[in-house]
C-alpha cells in the first residue's frame, strides 16, 4: 500500500505521518516513510537546491523538473522496491505537490505536469493521497523556524496552493481526500486513520 500525505506547509504533515506510521506498525505493517524531495542521495541534493538555496534563481519550469528528477530517483531506489517487498509506504508529499505548487500556484500547465509526473514515476501513483487542509495563514503561524525558499513565496502564492489542492481533490475524489487539519493532533490523527483503515483490508503489493 502506498499513501502520500500533502498540504500547505505548517499543516502538521511530519507529525501526522510519524503517528500514522506508528499505528500502522501496530497493525503488523512493515512501514517505510520517505519525503519528497529526499530519501536518496540525489533527492537530498535536490532538496537543498530547491528549498535552501535562497541565493539561486530557479525558473519555475526548472524548479518543476528538479522535483520530478528527485521523485524519479526515489521511486526507482526507495518506493518501488519497498512495495515489491510488501511494505507500506508513507510519502511526505508526492506528485500532487508538484502539480499544485508549480502548476496551480506557479502558473505551469496542470495537465502537462500530470503527464510529466507519470513519466517520472513510471506510472506509479499513491493508492490514496490525503491533503491536510487549513487556511494558509493559520498554517504559517505554526512554523516555528526559518522559512525555506518555497515557504517564502508570499501570501497570494500560498492561497493558490490551498485552492489547487482543493481543486485537484474535487476533480479526483477517489484518489485525493481532504482532511481538516485545524484541530488537535489526536483528532486529526483519528480522522486520518479512519481514511486509511478501509485500505488495509485486502491491500496487496503491486
N, C-alpha and C. Protein backbone atom coordinates (compact mmCIF):
# COMPACT_ATOMS: atom_id res chain seq x y z
N UNK A 1 0.85 -1.19 0.00
CA UNK A 1 0.00 0.00 0.00
C UNK A 1 0.89 1.24 0.00
N UNK A 2 0.51 2.21 -0.79
CA UNK A 2 1.29 3.44 -0.96
C UNK A 2 0.37 4.63 -0.69
N UNK A 3 0.71 5.42 0.32
CA UNK A 3 -0.05 6.60 0.68
C UNK A 3 0.84 7.83 0.64
N UNK A 4 0.30 8.95 0.21
CA UNK A 4 1.02 10.22 0.32
C UNK A 4 0.20 11.18 1.16
N UNK A 5 0.90 11.97 1.95
CA UNK A 5 0.27 12.99 2.79
C UNK A 5 0.78 14.34 2.31
N UNK A 6 -0.14 15.24 2.02
CA UNK A 6 0.25 16.52 1.45
C UNK A 6 -0.52 17.64 2.12
N UNK A 7 -0.30 18.86 1.64
CA UNK A 7 -0.97 20.02 2.18
C UNK A 7 -0.03 21.20 2.26
N UNK A 8 -0.56 22.35 2.64
CA UNK A 8 0.26 23.55 2.78
C UNK A 8 1.29 23.34 3.89
N UNK A 9 2.40 24.05 3.80
CA UNK A 9 3.41 23.99 4.85
C UNK A 9 2.82 24.46 6.17
N UNK A 10 3.08 23.70 7.25
CA UNK A 10 2.58 24.06 8.56
C UNK A 10 1.31 23.33 8.96
N UNK A 11 0.82 22.44 8.11
CA UNK A 11 -0.41 21.71 8.44
C UNK A 11 -0.17 20.49 9.31
N UNK A 12 1.09 20.17 9.61
CA UNK A 12 1.37 19.06 10.51
C UNK A 12 1.66 17.74 9.85
N UNK A 13 2.11 17.78 8.60
CA UNK A 13 2.36 16.54 7.86
C UNK A 13 3.34 15.61 8.58
N UNK A 14 4.47 16.14 8.98
CA UNK A 14 5.51 15.31 9.60
C UNK A 14 5.00 14.63 10.86
N UNK A 15 4.32 15.39 11.70
CA UNK A 15 3.77 14.83 12.94
C UNK A 15 2.75 13.74 12.66
N UNK A 16 1.84 14.01 11.73
CA UNK A 16 0.79 13.05 11.43
C UNK A 16 1.33 11.79 10.76
N UNK A 17 2.34 11.94 9.90
CA UNK A 17 2.94 10.77 9.26
C UNK A 17 3.63 9.89 10.30
N UNK A 18 4.33 10.51 11.24
CA UNK A 18 5.01 9.72 12.29
C UNK A 18 4.00 8.95 13.13
N UNK A 19 2.90 9.58 13.50
CA UNK A 19 1.87 8.91 14.29
C UNK A 19 1.18 7.81 13.48
N UNK A 20 0.92 8.09 12.21
CA UNK A 20 0.28 7.09 11.36
C UNK A 20 1.19 5.88 11.17
N UNK A 21 2.49 6.12 10.97
CA UNK A 21 3.43 5.02 10.80
C UNK A 21 3.46 4.15 12.05
N UNK A 22 3.45 4.79 13.21
CA UNK A 22 3.46 4.04 14.48
C UNK A 22 2.20 3.17 14.59
N UNK A 23 1.06 3.73 14.23
CA UNK A 23 -0.20 2.99 14.29
C UNK A 23 -0.20 1.82 13.30
N UNK A 24 0.27 2.06 12.09
CA UNK A 24 0.31 1.00 11.09
C UNK A 24 1.24 -0.13 11.50
N UNK A 25 2.36 0.22 12.12
CA UNK A 25 3.26 -0.83 12.63
C UNK A 25 2.56 -1.65 13.71
N UNK A 26 1.72 -0.98 14.49
CA UNK A 26 0.94 -1.69 15.50
C UNK A 26 -0.08 -2.63 14.89
N UNK A 27 -0.44 -2.38 13.62
CA UNK A 27 -1.35 -3.26 12.89
C UNK A 27 -0.60 -4.40 12.20
N UNK A 28 0.70 -4.47 12.45
CA UNK A 28 1.52 -5.53 11.85
C UNK A 28 2.11 -5.18 10.50
N UNK A 29 2.04 -3.92 10.13
CA UNK A 29 2.58 -3.49 8.84
C UNK A 29 4.06 -3.14 8.93
N UNK A 30 4.81 -3.50 7.90
CA UNK A 30 6.19 -3.07 7.75
C UNK A 30 6.14 -1.74 7.00
N UNK A 31 6.44 -0.65 7.68
CA UNK A 31 6.20 0.70 7.14
C UNK A 31 7.52 1.38 6.78
N UNK A 32 7.53 1.98 5.60
CA UNK A 32 8.64 2.82 5.16
C UNK A 32 8.11 4.23 4.96
N UNK A 33 8.70 5.19 5.66
CA UNK A 33 8.34 6.60 5.49
C UNK A 33 9.44 7.29 4.69
N UNK A 34 9.04 8.13 3.74
CA UNK A 34 10.01 8.85 2.92
C UNK A 34 9.50 10.27 2.69
N UNK A 35 10.39 11.14 2.20
CA UNK A 35 9.97 12.51 1.93
C UNK A 35 10.36 12.91 0.52
N UNK A 36 9.49 13.71 -0.09
CA UNK A 36 9.65 14.12 -1.48
C UNK A 36 9.73 15.66 -1.53
N UNK A 37 10.87 16.24 -1.95
CA UNK A 37 12.07 15.56 -2.43
C UNK A 37 12.92 15.06 -1.26
N UNK A 38 13.70 14.03 -1.51
CA UNK A 38 14.59 13.50 -0.49
C UNK A 38 14.65 11.99 -0.52
N UNK A 39 15.16 11.42 0.56
CA UNK A 39 15.21 9.97 0.81
C UNK A 39 16.20 9.21 -0.07
N UNK A 40 16.90 9.89 -0.96
CA UNK A 40 18.02 9.33 -1.71
C UNK A 40 19.12 10.38 -1.72
N UNK A 41 20.33 9.99 -2.10
CA UNK A 41 21.41 10.99 -2.16
C UNK A 41 21.07 12.07 -3.18
N UNK A 42 20.54 11.67 -4.33
CA UNK A 42 20.15 12.66 -5.33
C UNK A 42 19.02 13.53 -4.82
N UNK A 43 18.02 12.90 -4.22
CA UNK A 43 16.87 13.64 -3.73
C UNK A 43 17.23 14.66 -2.66
N UNK A 44 18.13 14.29 -1.76
CA UNK A 44 18.54 15.23 -0.72
C UNK A 44 19.34 16.39 -1.31
N UNK A 45 20.14 16.11 -2.35
CA UNK A 45 20.88 17.18 -3.02
C UNK A 45 19.92 18.15 -3.70
N UNK A 46 18.89 17.61 -4.36
CA UNK A 46 17.88 18.45 -5.00
C UNK A 46 17.12 19.24 -3.94
N UNK A 47 16.80 18.62 -2.84
CA UNK A 47 16.09 19.30 -1.76
C UNK A 47 16.85 20.53 -1.29
N UNK A 48 18.16 20.38 -1.15
CA UNK A 48 18.99 21.50 -0.71
C UNK A 48 18.93 22.64 -1.73
N UNK A 49 18.89 22.29 -3.02
CA UNK A 49 18.85 23.31 -4.06
C UNK A 49 17.51 24.04 -4.07
N UNK A 50 16.41 23.29 -4.11
CA UNK A 50 15.10 23.91 -4.31
C UNK A 50 14.53 24.55 -3.05
N UNK A 51 15.00 24.14 -1.86
CA UNK A 51 14.43 24.69 -0.64
C UNK A 51 15.38 25.62 0.11
N UNK A 52 16.68 25.35 0.06
CA UNK A 52 17.61 26.08 0.92
C UNK A 52 18.49 27.10 0.21
N UNK A 53 18.56 27.04 -1.13
CA UNK A 53 19.44 27.94 -1.85
C UNK A 53 18.71 29.25 -2.17
N UNK A 54 18.64 30.13 -1.19
CA UNK A 54 17.96 31.41 -1.37
C UNK A 54 18.70 32.32 -2.33
N UNK A 55 19.97 32.03 -2.57
CA UNK A 55 20.79 32.87 -3.44
C UNK A 55 20.70 32.46 -4.90
N UNK A 56 19.98 31.40 -5.18
CA UNK A 56 19.97 30.82 -6.52
C UNK A 56 18.65 31.08 -7.22
N UNK A 57 18.69 31.75 -8.38
CA UNK A 57 17.48 31.98 -9.17
C UNK A 57 17.10 30.68 -9.88
N UNK A 58 15.86 30.24 -9.69
CA UNK A 58 15.40 28.99 -10.31
C UNK A 58 14.11 29.28 -11.07
N UNK A 59 14.16 29.14 -12.38
CA UNK A 59 12.96 29.29 -13.20
C UNK A 59 11.92 28.26 -12.78
N UNK A 60 10.65 28.60 -12.91
CA UNK A 60 9.60 27.70 -12.42
C UNK A 60 9.62 26.35 -13.13
N UNK A 61 9.89 26.35 -14.43
CA UNK A 61 9.96 25.07 -15.15
C UNK A 61 11.17 24.25 -14.68
N UNK A 62 12.30 24.91 -14.49
CA UNK A 62 13.48 24.22 -13.97
C UNK A 62 13.21 23.67 -12.58
N UNK A 63 12.52 24.45 -11.77
CA UNK A 63 12.14 24.02 -10.42
C UNK A 63 11.30 22.75 -10.49
N UNK A 64 10.31 22.75 -11.37
CA UNK A 64 9.44 21.59 -11.52
C UNK A 64 10.23 20.35 -11.93
N UNK A 65 11.16 20.52 -12.87
CA UNK A 65 11.93 19.38 -13.37
C UNK A 65 12.89 18.85 -12.31
N UNK A 66 13.42 19.73 -11.47
CA UNK A 66 14.26 19.27 -10.37
C UNK A 66 13.46 18.38 -9.42
N UNK A 67 12.25 18.81 -9.06
CA UNK A 67 11.39 17.99 -8.21
C UNK A 67 11.09 16.64 -8.89
N UNK A 68 10.81 16.68 -10.18
CA UNK A 68 10.50 15.45 -10.91
C UNK A 68 11.69 14.49 -10.90
N UNK A 69 12.89 15.03 -11.08
CA UNK A 69 14.09 14.19 -11.09
C UNK A 69 14.29 13.52 -9.73
N UNK A 70 14.13 14.29 -8.66
CA UNK A 70 14.26 13.72 -7.32
C UNK A 70 13.24 12.63 -7.09
N UNK A 71 12.03 12.85 -7.57
CA UNK A 71 10.95 11.86 -7.39
C UNK A 71 11.22 10.59 -8.20
N UNK A 72 11.72 10.76 -9.41
CA UNK A 72 12.04 9.59 -10.24
C UNK A 72 13.05 8.70 -9.53
N UNK A 73 14.08 9.33 -8.93
CA UNK A 73 15.09 8.55 -8.23
C UNK A 73 14.50 7.87 -6.99
N UNK A 74 13.64 8.57 -6.27
CA UNK A 74 13.04 8.00 -5.08
C UNK A 74 12.13 6.81 -5.41
N UNK A 75 11.38 6.92 -6.50
CA UNK A 75 10.54 5.81 -6.92
C UNK A 75 11.39 4.60 -7.26
N UNK A 76 12.45 4.82 -8.05
CA UNK A 76 13.29 3.71 -8.50
C UNK A 76 14.09 3.09 -7.37
N UNK A 77 14.60 3.92 -6.47
CA UNK A 77 15.54 3.46 -5.45
C UNK A 77 14.87 3.06 -4.14
N UNK A 78 13.74 3.71 -3.82
CA UNK A 78 13.14 3.53 -2.50
C UNK A 78 11.72 2.95 -2.55
N UNK A 79 10.83 3.66 -3.25
CA UNK A 79 9.41 3.32 -3.13
C UNK A 79 9.07 2.00 -3.81
N UNK A 80 9.42 1.86 -5.09
CA UNK A 80 9.03 0.64 -5.79
C UNK A 80 9.64 -0.63 -5.16
N UNK A 81 10.93 -0.62 -4.79
CA UNK A 81 11.46 -1.80 -4.11
C UNK A 81 10.74 -2.12 -2.80
N UNK A 82 10.35 -1.08 -2.06
CA UNK A 82 9.64 -1.30 -0.81
C UNK A 82 8.26 -1.94 -1.06
N UNK A 83 7.57 -1.45 -2.08
CA UNK A 83 6.26 -2.02 -2.40
C UNK A 83 6.38 -3.46 -2.86
N UNK A 84 7.39 -3.75 -3.67
CA UNK A 84 7.61 -5.12 -4.14
C UNK A 84 7.90 -6.04 -2.95
N UNK A 85 8.57 -5.50 -1.92
CA UNK A 85 8.88 -6.29 -0.72
C UNK A 85 7.70 -6.40 0.23
N UNK A 86 6.56 -5.81 -0.13
CA UNK A 86 5.36 -5.92 0.69
C UNK A 86 5.23 -4.88 1.77
N UNK A 87 6.02 -3.83 1.71
CA UNK A 87 5.96 -2.80 2.74
C UNK A 87 4.85 -1.79 2.44
N UNK A 88 4.43 -1.11 3.48
CA UNK A 88 3.52 0.02 3.34
C UNK A 88 4.36 1.29 3.28
N UNK A 89 4.16 2.10 2.25
CA UNK A 89 4.96 3.30 2.05
C UNK A 89 4.13 4.54 2.36
N UNK A 90 4.70 5.41 3.20
CA UNK A 90 4.10 6.70 3.51
C UNK A 90 5.03 7.78 2.98
N UNK A 91 4.54 8.59 2.06
CA UNK A 91 5.37 9.65 1.48
C UNK A 91 4.90 11.01 1.97
N UNK A 92 5.84 11.78 2.47
CA UNK A 92 5.59 13.18 2.82
C UNK A 92 5.72 13.96 1.52
N UNK A 93 4.60 14.17 0.86
CA UNK A 93 4.44 14.78 -0.46
C UNK A 93 4.76 13.77 -1.57
N UNK A 94 4.15 14.03 -2.73
CA UNK A 94 4.45 13.26 -3.93
C UNK A 94 4.04 14.12 -5.12
N UNK A 95 3.67 13.52 -6.23
CA UNK A 95 3.42 14.25 -7.47
C UNK A 95 2.37 15.34 -7.32
N UNK A 96 1.35 15.11 -6.52
CA UNK A 96 0.30 16.12 -6.33
C UNK A 96 0.90 17.46 -5.92
N UNK A 97 1.95 17.44 -5.09
CA UNK A 97 2.57 18.69 -4.65
C UNK A 97 3.14 19.47 -5.83
N UNK A 98 3.79 18.77 -6.75
CA UNK A 98 4.33 19.41 -7.96
C UNK A 98 3.21 20.06 -8.77
N UNK A 99 2.14 19.33 -8.96
CA UNK A 99 1.00 19.82 -9.73
C UNK A 99 0.44 21.09 -9.11
N UNK A 100 0.37 21.11 -7.79
CA UNK A 100 -0.23 22.25 -7.10
C UNK A 100 0.73 23.42 -6.98
N UNK A 101 1.94 23.18 -6.50
CA UNK A 101 2.88 24.28 -6.26
C UNK A 101 3.38 24.92 -7.55
N UNK A 102 3.79 24.10 -8.52
CA UNK A 102 4.32 24.67 -9.76
C UNK A 102 3.23 24.90 -10.80
N UNK A 103 2.11 24.20 -10.69
CA UNK A 103 1.01 24.34 -11.63
C UNK A 103 -0.02 25.36 -11.17
N UNK A 104 -0.89 24.97 -10.27
CA UNK A 104 -1.96 25.86 -9.81
C UNK A 104 -1.42 27.17 -9.24
N UNK A 105 -0.36 27.08 -8.43
CA UNK A 105 0.16 28.29 -7.80
C UNK A 105 1.24 28.96 -8.63
N UNK A 106 2.02 28.16 -9.36
CA UNK A 106 3.17 28.70 -10.08
C UNK A 106 2.94 29.05 -11.53
N UNK A 107 1.78 28.67 -12.07
CA UNK A 107 1.43 29.10 -13.41
C UNK A 107 1.76 28.13 -14.53
N UNK A 108 2.35 26.97 -14.23
CA UNK A 108 2.61 25.99 -15.28
C UNK A 108 1.33 25.22 -15.61
N UNK A 109 1.31 24.61 -16.78
CA UNK A 109 0.12 23.91 -17.25
C UNK A 109 -0.11 22.64 -16.44
N UNK A 110 -1.26 22.55 -15.79
CA UNK A 110 -1.54 21.44 -14.87
C UNK A 110 -1.61 20.08 -15.58
N UNK A 111 -2.34 19.93 -16.69
CA UNK A 111 -2.35 18.62 -17.36
C UNK A 111 -0.95 18.16 -17.79
N UNK A 112 -0.13 19.11 -18.24
CA UNK A 112 1.24 18.76 -18.63
C UNK A 112 2.02 18.23 -17.44
N UNK A 113 1.84 18.84 -16.27
CA UNK A 113 2.56 18.38 -15.08
C UNK A 113 2.16 16.96 -14.71
N UNK A 114 0.87 16.63 -14.82
CA UNK A 114 0.45 15.25 -14.56
C UNK A 114 1.12 14.29 -15.54
N UNK A 115 1.22 14.69 -16.80
CA UNK A 115 1.84 13.83 -17.81
C UNK A 115 3.33 13.64 -17.53
N UNK A 116 4.04 14.74 -17.25
CA UNK A 116 5.46 14.64 -16.94
C UNK A 116 5.66 13.80 -15.68
N UNK A 117 4.78 13.97 -14.72
CA UNK A 117 4.87 13.21 -13.48
C UNK A 117 4.71 11.72 -13.68
N UNK A 118 3.82 11.35 -14.56
CA UNK A 118 3.63 9.91 -14.81
C UNK A 118 4.85 9.30 -15.49
N UNK A 119 5.52 10.10 -16.31
CA UNK A 119 6.78 9.63 -16.90
C UNK A 119 7.84 9.48 -15.81
N UNK A 120 7.96 10.49 -14.95
CA UNK A 120 8.97 10.48 -13.89
C UNK A 120 8.80 9.32 -12.93
N UNK A 121 7.56 8.94 -12.66
CA UNK A 121 7.29 7.88 -11.69
C UNK A 121 7.04 6.52 -12.35
N UNK A 122 7.20 6.47 -13.67
CA UNK A 122 6.88 5.25 -14.44
C UNK A 122 5.45 4.79 -14.15
N UNK A 123 4.57 5.76 -13.99
CA UNK A 123 3.15 5.47 -13.80
C UNK A 123 2.74 5.16 -12.39
N UNK A 124 3.67 5.20 -11.44
CA UNK A 124 3.33 4.87 -10.06
C UNK A 124 2.71 6.07 -9.37
N UNK A 125 1.51 5.89 -8.84
CA UNK A 125 0.82 6.91 -8.06
C UNK A 125 0.35 6.29 -6.75
N UNK A 126 0.14 7.10 -5.72
CA UNK A 126 -0.33 6.55 -4.44
C UNK A 126 -1.71 5.90 -4.58
N UNK A 127 -1.96 4.91 -3.74
CA UNK A 127 -3.32 4.35 -3.65
C UNK A 127 -4.29 5.42 -3.17
N UNK A 128 -3.79 6.31 -2.32
CA UNK A 128 -4.59 7.44 -1.85
C UNK A 128 -3.65 8.58 -1.47
N UNK A 129 -4.01 9.79 -1.90
CA UNK A 129 -3.32 11.00 -1.48
C UNK A 129 -4.23 11.74 -0.51
N UNK A 130 -3.72 12.06 0.65
CA UNK A 130 -4.51 12.74 1.68
C UNK A 130 -3.95 14.15 1.87
N UNK A 131 -4.81 15.13 1.73
CA UNK A 131 -4.41 16.53 1.87
C UNK A 131 -4.84 17.04 3.24
N UNK A 132 -3.88 17.45 4.04
CA UNK A 132 -4.18 18.10 5.31
C UNK A 132 -4.46 19.57 5.03
N UNK A 133 -5.67 19.99 5.33
CA UNK A 133 -6.13 21.32 4.89
C UNK A 133 -6.42 22.25 6.06
N UNK A 134 -5.97 23.48 5.91
CA UNK A 134 -6.34 24.56 6.82
C UNK A 134 -5.96 25.86 6.14
N UNK A 135 -6.50 27.00 6.60
CA UNK A 135 -6.14 28.27 5.98
C UNK A 135 -4.63 28.50 6.01
N UNK A 136 -4.05 28.97 4.91
CA UNK A 136 -2.59 29.15 4.85
C UNK A 136 -2.03 30.03 5.96
N UNK A 137 -2.77 31.08 6.33
CA UNK A 137 -2.26 31.98 7.37
C UNK A 137 -2.17 31.27 8.72
N UNK A 138 -3.14 30.38 8.99
CA UNK A 138 -3.10 29.61 10.24
C UNK A 138 -1.97 28.58 10.20
N UNK A 139 -1.78 27.97 9.04
CA UNK A 139 -0.69 27.00 8.89
C UNK A 139 0.66 27.68 9.05
N UNK A 140 0.83 28.85 8.44
CA UNK A 140 2.09 29.58 8.51
C UNK A 140 2.44 29.97 9.94
N UNK A 141 1.41 30.25 10.75
CA UNK A 141 1.64 30.64 12.14
C UNK A 141 2.22 29.50 12.95
N UNK A 142 2.08 28.26 12.47
CA UNK A 142 2.62 27.10 13.18
C UNK A 142 4.11 26.89 12.91
N UNK A 143 4.65 27.54 11.91
CA UNK A 143 6.04 27.31 11.52
C UNK A 143 6.99 28.06 12.45
N UNK A 144 7.52 27.34 13.42
CA UNK A 144 8.41 27.94 14.41
C UNK A 144 9.87 27.74 14.01
N UNK A 145 10.22 28.18 12.80
CA UNK A 145 11.58 28.04 12.28
C UNK A 145 11.74 29.00 11.12
N UNK A 146 12.94 29.08 10.58
CA UNK A 146 13.16 29.89 9.40
C UNK A 146 12.44 29.30 8.20
N UNK A 147 11.98 30.14 7.31
CA UNK A 147 11.21 29.68 6.16
C UNK A 147 12.13 29.26 5.02
N UNK A 148 11.77 28.15 4.34
CA UNK A 148 12.55 27.73 3.18
C UNK A 148 12.13 28.55 1.96
N UNK A 149 12.77 28.29 0.83
CA UNK A 149 12.56 29.10 -0.36
C UNK A 149 11.11 29.05 -0.84
N UNK A 150 10.48 27.88 -0.78
CA UNK A 150 9.10 27.77 -1.23
C UNK A 150 8.15 28.44 -0.24
N UNK A 151 8.45 28.35 1.04
CA UNK A 151 7.59 28.97 2.05
C UNK A 151 7.63 30.49 1.98
N UNK A 152 8.66 31.03 1.33
CA UNK A 152 8.80 32.48 1.21
C UNK A 152 8.15 33.05 -0.04
N UNK A 153 7.31 32.28 -0.70
CA UNK A 153 6.74 32.70 -1.99
C UNK A 153 5.64 33.76 -1.86
N UNK A 154 5.14 33.99 -0.66
CA UNK A 154 4.15 35.05 -0.47
C UNK A 154 2.75 34.53 -0.21
N UNK A 155 1.91 35.40 0.38
CA UNK A 155 0.56 35.00 0.78
C UNK A 155 -0.30 34.60 -0.42
N UNK A 156 -0.20 35.36 -1.51
CA UNK A 156 -1.01 35.04 -2.69
C UNK A 156 -0.67 33.67 -3.25
N UNK A 157 0.62 33.36 -3.29
CA UNK A 157 1.06 32.05 -3.77
C UNK A 157 0.48 30.94 -2.92
N UNK A 158 0.54 31.09 -1.61
CA UNK A 158 0.08 30.02 -0.72
C UNK A 158 -1.45 29.90 -0.71
N UNK A 159 -2.14 31.00 -0.98
CA UNK A 159 -3.59 30.91 -1.16
C UNK A 159 -3.92 30.08 -2.40
N UNK A 160 -3.13 30.27 -3.46
CA UNK A 160 -3.34 29.48 -4.68
C UNK A 160 -2.98 28.02 -4.46
N UNK A 161 -1.97 27.78 -3.62
CA UNK A 161 -1.61 26.40 -3.28
C UNK A 161 -2.80 25.69 -2.65
N UNK A 162 -3.40 26.32 -1.66
CA UNK A 162 -4.55 25.69 -1.00
C UNK A 162 -5.69 25.44 -1.99
N UNK A 163 -6.00 26.42 -2.81
CA UNK A 163 -7.07 26.25 -3.78
C UNK A 163 -6.73 25.16 -4.79
N UNK A 164 -5.45 25.03 -5.12
CA UNK A 164 -5.03 23.98 -6.03
C UNK A 164 -5.27 22.59 -5.45
N UNK A 165 -4.91 22.41 -4.19
CA UNK A 165 -5.18 21.13 -3.54
C UNK A 165 -6.67 20.80 -3.55
N UNK A 166 -7.48 21.80 -3.20
CA UNK A 166 -8.93 21.58 -3.15
C UNK A 166 -9.49 21.29 -4.54
N UNK A 167 -8.97 21.97 -5.56
CA UNK A 167 -9.44 21.76 -6.93
C UNK A 167 -9.10 20.35 -7.41
N UNK A 168 -7.89 19.88 -7.13
CA UNK A 168 -7.50 18.54 -7.55
C UNK A 168 -8.29 17.47 -6.80
N UNK A 169 -8.56 17.72 -5.53
CA UNK A 169 -9.37 16.76 -4.75
C UNK A 169 -10.80 16.69 -5.29
N UNK A 170 -11.34 17.84 -5.69
CA UNK A 170 -12.69 17.85 -6.25
C UNK A 170 -12.72 17.13 -7.60
N UNK A 171 -11.63 17.22 -8.34
CA UNK A 171 -11.56 16.58 -9.66
C UNK A 171 -11.31 15.07 -9.56
N UNK A 172 -10.62 14.65 -8.51
CA UNK A 172 -10.28 13.23 -8.35
C UNK A 172 -10.66 12.75 -6.94
N UNK A 173 -11.95 12.73 -6.62
CA UNK A 173 -12.37 12.42 -5.24
C UNK A 173 -12.03 11.01 -4.78
N UNK A 174 -11.84 10.08 -5.69
CA UNK A 174 -11.49 8.72 -5.28
C UNK A 174 -10.00 8.57 -4.98
N UNK A 175 -9.18 9.44 -5.56
CA UNK A 175 -7.73 9.33 -5.38
C UNK A 175 -7.17 10.34 -4.38
N UNK A 176 -7.90 11.45 -4.17
CA UNK A 176 -7.40 12.52 -3.30
C UNK A 176 -8.50 12.89 -2.30
N UNK A 177 -8.17 12.79 -1.03
CA UNK A 177 -9.14 13.12 0.02
C UNK A 177 -8.61 14.28 0.85
N UNK A 178 -9.50 15.14 1.28
CA UNK A 178 -9.14 16.31 2.06
C UNK A 178 -9.55 16.11 3.51
N UNK A 179 -8.64 16.44 4.42
CA UNK A 179 -8.88 16.24 5.85
C UNK A 179 -8.62 17.56 6.57
N UNK A 180 -9.54 17.99 7.41
CA UNK A 180 -9.39 19.22 8.18
C UNK A 180 -8.26 19.05 9.19
N UNK A 181 -7.20 19.84 9.05
CA UNK A 181 -6.04 19.71 9.92
C UNK A 181 -5.98 20.78 11.00
N UNK A 182 -7.06 21.52 11.19
CA UNK A 182 -7.03 22.65 12.11
C UNK A 182 -7.27 22.25 13.57
N UNK A 183 -7.69 21.02 13.81
CA UNK A 183 -8.00 20.58 15.17
C UNK A 183 -6.78 20.08 15.91
N UNK A 184 -7.00 19.55 17.13
CA UNK A 184 -5.90 18.98 17.92
C UNK A 184 -5.24 17.81 17.19
N UNK A 185 -3.98 17.54 17.53
CA UNK A 185 -3.23 16.50 16.84
C UNK A 185 -3.92 15.16 16.89
N UNK A 186 -4.43 14.77 18.07
CA UNK A 186 -5.05 13.45 18.19
C UNK A 186 -6.35 13.35 17.39
N UNK A 187 -7.06 14.47 17.28
CA UNK A 187 -8.30 14.48 16.50
C UNK A 187 -8.00 14.32 15.01
N UNK A 188 -6.98 15.02 14.54
CA UNK A 188 -6.57 14.91 13.13
C UNK A 188 -6.09 13.48 12.85
N UNK A 189 -5.31 12.92 13.77
CA UNK A 189 -4.80 11.57 13.58
C UNK A 189 -5.94 10.54 13.51
N UNK A 190 -6.95 10.70 14.36
CA UNK A 190 -8.09 9.79 14.34
C UNK A 190 -8.80 9.85 12.99
N UNK A 191 -8.96 11.06 12.46
CA UNK A 191 -9.61 11.21 11.15
C UNK A 191 -8.74 10.62 10.05
N UNK A 192 -7.43 10.78 10.18
CA UNK A 192 -6.50 10.22 9.19
C UNK A 192 -6.59 8.69 9.19
N UNK A 193 -6.60 8.10 10.36
CA UNK A 193 -6.69 6.65 10.46
C UNK A 193 -8.01 6.13 9.88
N UNK A 194 -9.07 6.90 10.05
CA UNK A 194 -10.36 6.47 9.52
C UNK A 194 -10.36 6.44 7.99
N UNK A 195 -9.54 7.30 7.37
CA UNK A 195 -9.42 7.28 5.91
C UNK A 195 -8.57 6.10 5.44
N UNK A 196 -7.55 5.76 6.23
CA UNK A 196 -6.61 4.73 5.84
C UNK A 196 -7.13 3.32 6.14
N UNK A 197 -7.87 3.18 7.21
CA UNK A 197 -8.27 1.85 7.66
C UNK A 197 -8.98 1.00 6.61
N UNK A 198 -9.90 1.57 5.81
CA UNK A 198 -10.56 0.74 4.79
C UNK A 198 -9.59 0.18 3.74
N UNK A 199 -8.45 0.85 3.56
CA UNK A 199 -7.49 0.39 2.56
C UNK A 199 -6.67 -0.79 3.06
N UNK A 200 -6.67 -1.02 4.37
CA UNK A 200 -5.85 -2.09 4.92
C UNK A 200 -6.40 -3.48 4.61
N UNK A 201 -7.70 -3.56 4.44
CA UNK A 201 -8.33 -4.86 4.18
C UNK A 201 -8.09 -5.25 2.73
N UNK A 202 -7.36 -6.31 2.55
CA UNK A 202 -7.13 -6.84 1.21
C UNK A 202 -6.13 -6.08 0.40
N UNK A 203 -5.37 -5.14 1.02
CA UNK A 203 -4.37 -4.42 0.24
C UNK A 203 -3.25 -5.38 -0.14
N UNK A 204 -2.77 -5.21 -1.37
CA UNK A 204 -1.73 -6.11 -1.88
C UNK A 204 -0.60 -5.28 -2.46
N UNK A 205 0.54 -5.90 -2.63
CA UNK A 205 1.66 -5.20 -3.25
C UNK A 205 1.51 -5.26 -4.75
N UNK A 206 2.06 -4.25 -5.47
CA UNK A 206 1.93 -4.24 -6.93
C UNK A 206 2.81 -5.30 -7.58
